[in-house]
Amino acid sequence: MSLTPGAPVIEARRLTVGYGDTPVVRDVDLVVRAGDTLAVLGSNGSGKTTLVRGILGLATLMGGRLTLFGVPAEKFTERARIGYVPQRHTLGAGAPATVREIVATGRLARRGWFGRASAADRSAVDAAIATVGLADRATASVHELSGGQQRRVLIARALAAEPEVLVMDEPTAGVDVANQEAFAETLRLLATRGVTLLVVTHDVGPLRSVMRRAVVVRDGRIVYDGPCQQDLGATAHDHDDHDHAHHDDDPAPGTDPQRVAGLDQPLGRWTP
């Protein structure tokens, strides 16, 4: 389903998000439009990740209004339209799986758990792997890949569902310069295809050439919303708050990290 460039895809009005009975993000107004390339910046504990988890249904919406593609969040069911790459540096230990096998699980959002893979599914998987520059490693075990390459597999997994919006949490954290450049090139390609990008990060540096807009979150509120500028790093890190009851970059209390990583089933409110 194609969107008119500039049409709202995510709209939050006076949104409050938290965990249990504890609000972390308060009274936030945010509109993300089709074609935006948006960096969400902030220090650890600022609320930036909690804000995005609220949008994805991984944190509690405690007040305000949230709509996704014009539909109230509680009624939104088209999970394939939003792809999510969690804050996770590697795929970790587990049963051996190839790059193609991992990426193919991203098609579940389109065909369901019991549908058979079609030619269109296989084509989408191959295209996603090629987009992140891993076509030559498609049959390799993910355990043979570097941490940065494994992050690219997770991006390909999200892309396999052919989302209109791609949300990524700290995609360049802990990876080398070569993979940071690969991430930036992948995002640049997706932006030219009209994919709306929302990237949570504490440092937009490696992606500054791609991100046109930035939002800075501090103490649970948006303190800047405008062009992605060179000096935003200092703004994002002013008044570092390390005393939050919930550390913003950790999984939510009581949440299974594997589920947050999106490796076993769709996320949040979209889980069948």
Foldseek 3Di string as FASTA:
>chain_A
DDDDFFAWFKWWAQWWWAADPDTQAGGETDTFTFLAAEEEAAFWSLCSLRVVCVLQQQIDTDDTFMDGRNHTSLPDQLLLQEFEAEPDQAPDDDDWDFLLRQLLVLQCSPQNDPGDQDPLLSVLLCVLCVLLPNNVRRGPTSVVDDSLVRLSSSSSSSCSSVHLEYEYEASPPPDDPVSLLSVLSSLQVVSVVRRHYYYYHNDCVSNLVRHQWYWAGGSNYTPDTGGDDDPCNCVNPPPRDPPDPDTSRDRHPPDDVVVSSVRPADDHSNGD
